[in-house]
Amino acid sequence: QVQLVESGGGLVQPGGSLRLSCAASGFNFLTYVMAWYRQAPGNERELVAQINSAGVSTDYADSVKGRFTISRDNAKNTVYLQMNSLKPEDTAVYYCKAVRFGIIRWGQGTQVTVSS
């Protein structure tokens, strides 16, 4: 059974940090590009960060560059998103996505709320 399970979301004050995890199972994780997306109420889902299958190439949305870091542990079939210096505008549901040659898989999402 193909699964992407996100965890690590929650409520954090502005300036704080969170680390999201996405555990993959049921497919060959090593061959997939992995990404984090987010969707705030009333907004479209947007790309936050992505990492290639080997974990050596990354890309970030301008709004998170210098604050967020994506990484992956292929031995654990897990991708991470370290989020620092969080802002209220980072509040959204964060989704994990796996992509390979047009095959797309999504997780169920985890809520991140940045508020004082």
C-alpha atoms as a PDB file:
ATOM      1  CA  GLN A   1       0.000   0.000   0.000  1.00  0.00           C
ATOM      2  CA  VAL A   2       1.408   3.362  -1.090  1.00  0.00           C
ATOM      3  CA  GLN A   3       1.582   5.825   1.758  1.00  0.00           C
ATOM      4  CA  LEU A   4       3.054   9.236   2.498  1.00  0.00           C
ATOM      5  CA  VAL A   5       2.524  10.192   6.129  1.00  0.00           C
ATOM      6  CA  GLU A   6       3.403  13.693   7.284  1.00  0.00           C
ATOM      7  CA  SER A   7       4.066  14.623  10.897  1.00  0.00           C
ATOM      8  CA  GLY A   8       5.584  17.425  12.944  1.00  0.00           C
ATOM      9  CA  GLY A   9       3.059  20.184  12.374  1.00  0.00           C
ATOM     10  CA  GLY A  10       1.591  22.281  15.151  1.00  0.00           C
ATOM     11  CA  LEU A  11       1.255  25.728  16.654  1.00  0.00           C
ATOM     12  CA  VAL A  12       4.390  27.857  16.942  1.00  0.00           C
ATOM     13  CA  GLN A  13       5.075  31.494  17.722  1.00  0.00           C
ATOM     14  CA  PRO A  14       6.515  33.835  15.099  1.00  0.00           C
ATOM     15  CA  GLY A  15      10.268  33.370  14.893  1.00  0.00           C
ATOM     16  CA  GLY A  16      10.033  29.783  16.044  1.00  0.00           C
ATOM     17  CA  SER A  17      10.976  26.543  14.324  1.00  0.00           C
ATOM     18  CA  LEU A  18       9.344  23.286  13.316  1.00  0.00           C
ATOM     19  CA  ARG A  19      10.607  20.163  11.584  1.00  0.00           C
ATOM     20  CA  LEU A  20       8.202  18.306   9.348  1.00  0.00           C
ATOM     21  CA  SER A  21       8.716  14.672   8.406  1.00  0.00           C
ATOM     22  CA  CYS A  22       7.178  12.609   5.632  1.00  0.00           C
ATOM     23  CA  ALA A  23       7.530   8.845   5.891  1.00  0.00           C
ATOM     24  CA  ALA A  24       7.081   6.946   2.633  1.00  0.00           C
ATOM     25  CA  SER A  25       6.143   3.315   2.120  1.00  0.00           C
ATOM     26  CA  GLY A  26       4.841   1.022  -0.596  1.00  0.00           C
ATOM     27  CA  PHE A  27       6.958   2.367  -3.457  1.00  0.00           C
ATOM     28  CA  ASN A  28      10.602   2.785  -4.446  1.00  0.00           C
ATOM     29  CA  PHE A  29      11.363   5.984  -2.551  1.00  0.00           C
ATOM     30  CA  LEU A  30      14.928   6.138  -3.869  1.00  0.00           C
ATOM     31  CA  THR A  31      13.777   6.879  -7.412  1.00  0.00           C
ATOM     32  CA  TYR A  32      11.329   9.680  -6.632  1.00  0.00           C
ATOM     33  CA  VAL A  33      11.773  13.434  -6.527  1.00  0.00           C
ATOM     34  CA  MET A  34      10.264  14.599  -3.243  1.00  0.00           C
ATOM     35  CA  ALA A  35       8.659  17.951  -2.516  1.00  0.00           C
ATOM     36  CA  TRP A  36       6.801  19.917   0.096  1.00  0.00           C
ATOM     37  CA  TYR A  37       3.794  21.999  -0.866  1.00  0.00           C
ATOM     38  CA  ARG A  38       1.511  24.146   1.237  1.00  0.00           C
ATOM     39  CA  GLN A  39      -2.006  25.468   0.975  1.00  0.00           C
ATOM     40  CA  ALA A  40      -3.452  28.293   3.031  1.00  0.00           C
ATOM     41  CA  PRO A  41      -7.223  28.875   3.234  1.00  0.00           C
ATOM     42  CA  GLY A  42      -8.485  30.515   0.054  1.00  0.00           C
ATOM     43  CA  ASN A  43      -5.163  30.007  -1.719  1.00  0.00           C
ATOM     44  CA  GLU A  44      -3.921  27.537  -4.290  1.00  0.00           C
ATOM     45  CA  ARG A  45      -1.477  24.835  -3.288  1.00  0.00           C
ATOM     46  CA  GLU A  46       2.061  26.103  -3.844  1.00  0.00           C
ATOM     47  CA  LEU A  47       5.489  24.534  -4.046  1.00  0.00           C
ATOM     48  CA  VAL A  48       7.653  25.192  -0.989  1.00  0.00           C
ATOM     49  CA  ALA A  49      10.731  23.069  -1.676  1.00  0.00           C
ATOM     50  CA  GLN A  50      11.841  20.021  -3.628  1.00  0.00           C
ATOM     51  CA  ILE A  51      14.791  17.660  -3.618  1.00  0.00           C
ATOM     52  CA  ASN A  52      16.034  15.230  -6.239  1.00  0.00           C
ATOM     53  CA  SER A  53      16.247  11.494  -5.736  1.00  0.00           C
ATOM     54  CA  ALA A  54      19.915  11.549  -4.699  1.00  0.00           C
ATOM     55  CA  GLY A  55      19.370  14.421  -2.303  1.00  0.00           C
ATOM     56  CA  VAL A  56      22.042  16.647  -3.857  1.00  0.00           C
ATOM     57  CA  SER A  57      19.863  19.152  -5.712  1.00  0.00           C
ATOM     58  CA  THR A  58      17.260  21.332  -4.024  1.00  0.00           C
ATOM     59  CA  ASP A  59      14.959  24.172  -5.013  1.00  0.00           C
ATOM     60  CA  TYR A  60      12.957  26.602  -2.892  1.00  0.00           C
ATOM     61  CA  ALA A  61      10.177  29.114  -3.240  1.00  0.00           C
ATOM     62  CA  ASP A  62      11.511  32.647  -2.916  1.00  0.00           C
ATOM     63  CA  SER A  63       9.340  33.212   0.153  1.00  0.00           C
ATOM     64  CA  VAL A  64      11.166  30.520   2.159  1.00  0.00           C
ATOM     65  CA  LYS A  65      14.747  30.754   0.870  1.00  0.00           C
ATOM     66  CA  GLY A  66      17.213  31.084   3.713  1.00  0.00           C
ATOM     67  CA  ARG A  67      14.620  29.962   6.295  1.00  0.00           C
ATOM     68  CA  PHE A  68      13.559  26.454   5.215  1.00  0.00           C
ATOM     69  CA  THR A  69      15.730  23.445   4.418  1.00  0.00           C
ATOM     70  CA  ILE A  70      14.578  20.275   2.682  1.00  0.00           C
ATOM     71  CA  SER A  71      16.492  17.041   3.152  1.00  0.00           C
ATOM     72  CA  ARG A  72      15.952  13.319   2.742  1.00  0.00           C
ATOM     73  CA  ASP A  73      17.192  10.117   4.319  1.00  0.00           C
ATOM     74  CA  ASN A  74      16.904   7.397   1.688  1.00  0.00           C
ATOM     75  CA  ALA A  75      17.792   4.729   4.243  1.00  0.00           C
ATOM     76  CA  LYS A  76      14.700   5.703   6.247  1.00  0.00           C
ATOM     77  CA  ASN A  77      12.431   6.515   3.260  1.00  0.00           C
ATOM     78  CA  THR A  78      11.809   9.910   4.818  1.00  0.00           C
ATOM     79  CA  VAL A  79      11.927  13.507   3.639  1.00  0.00           C
ATOM     80  CA  TYR A  80      12.169  16.437   6.035  1.00  0.00           C
ATOM     81  CA  LEU A  81      11.428  20.145   6.030  1.00  0.00           C
ATOM     82  CA  GLN A  82      13.257  22.198   8.637  1.00  0.00           C
ATOM     83  CA  MET A  83      11.435  25.494   9.049  1.00  0.00           C
ATOM     84  CA  ASN A  84      13.130  28.335  10.921  1.00  0.00           C
ATOM     85  CA  SER A  85      12.207  31.977  11.511  1.00  0.00           C
ATOM     86  CA  LEU A  86       8.573  31.141  10.938  1.00  0.00           C
ATOM     87  CA  LYS A  87       6.164  33.924  10.022  1.00  0.00           C
ATOM     88  CA  PRO A  88       2.367  34.128  10.305  1.00  0.00           C
ATOM     89  CA  GLU A  89       2.185  33.926   6.515  1.00  0.00           C
ATOM     90  CA  ASP A  90       3.719  30.449   6.685  1.00  0.00           C
ATOM     91  CA  THR A  91       0.469  29.217   8.227  1.00  0.00           C
ATOM     92  CA  ALA A  92      -0.948  26.496   5.977  1.00  0.00           C
ATOM     93  CA  VAL A  93      -1.493  22.798   5.556  1.00  0.00           C
ATOM     94  CA  TYR A  94       1.805  21.303   4.412  1.00  0.00           C
ATOM     95  CA  TYR A  95       1.746  18.362   2.014  1.00  0.00           C
ATOM     96  CA  CYS A  96       4.407  15.897   0.993  1.00  0.00           C
ATOM     97  CA  LYS A  97       4.570  14.942  -2.708  1.00  0.00           C
ATOM     98  CA  ALA A  98       6.447  12.202  -4.530  1.00  0.00           C
ATOM     99  CA  VAL A  99       6.983  12.445  -8.309  1.00  0.00           C
ATOM    100  CA  ARG A 100       8.514  10.100 -10.846  1.00  0.00           C
ATOM    101  CA  PHE A 101       7.907  10.161 -14.613  1.00  0.00           C
ATOM    102  CA  GLY A 102       4.401  11.558 -14.243  1.00  0.00           C
ATOM    103  CA  ILE A 103       3.449   9.371 -11.295  1.00  0.00           C
ATOM    104  CA  ILE A 104       2.354  11.630  -8.468  1.00  0.00           C
ATOM    105  CA  ARG A 105       1.636  10.669  -4.881  1.00  0.00           C
ATOM    106  CA  TRP A 106       0.415  12.981  -2.085  1.00  0.00           C
ATOM    107  CA  GLY A 107       0.300  12.745   1.648  1.00  0.00           C
ATOM    108  CA  GLN A 108      -2.701  13.782   3.727  1.00  0.00           C
ATOM    109  CA  GLY A 109      -1.118  16.985   5.017  1.00  0.00           C
ATOM    110  CA  THR A 110      -0.128  18.424   8.375  1.00  0.00           C
ATOM    111  CA  GLN A 111      -1.285  21.763   9.765  1.00  0.00           C
ATOM    112  CA  VAL A 112       1.268  24.440  10.605  1.00  0.00           C
ATOM    113  CA  THR A 113      -0.009  27.497  12.448  1.00  0.00           C
ATOM    114  CA  VAL A 114       2.262  30.439  13.226  1.00  0.00           C
ATOM    115  CA  SER A 115       0.646  32.750  15.727  1.00  0.00           C
ATOM    116  CA  SER A 116       1.346  34.564  18.973  1.00  0.00           C
END
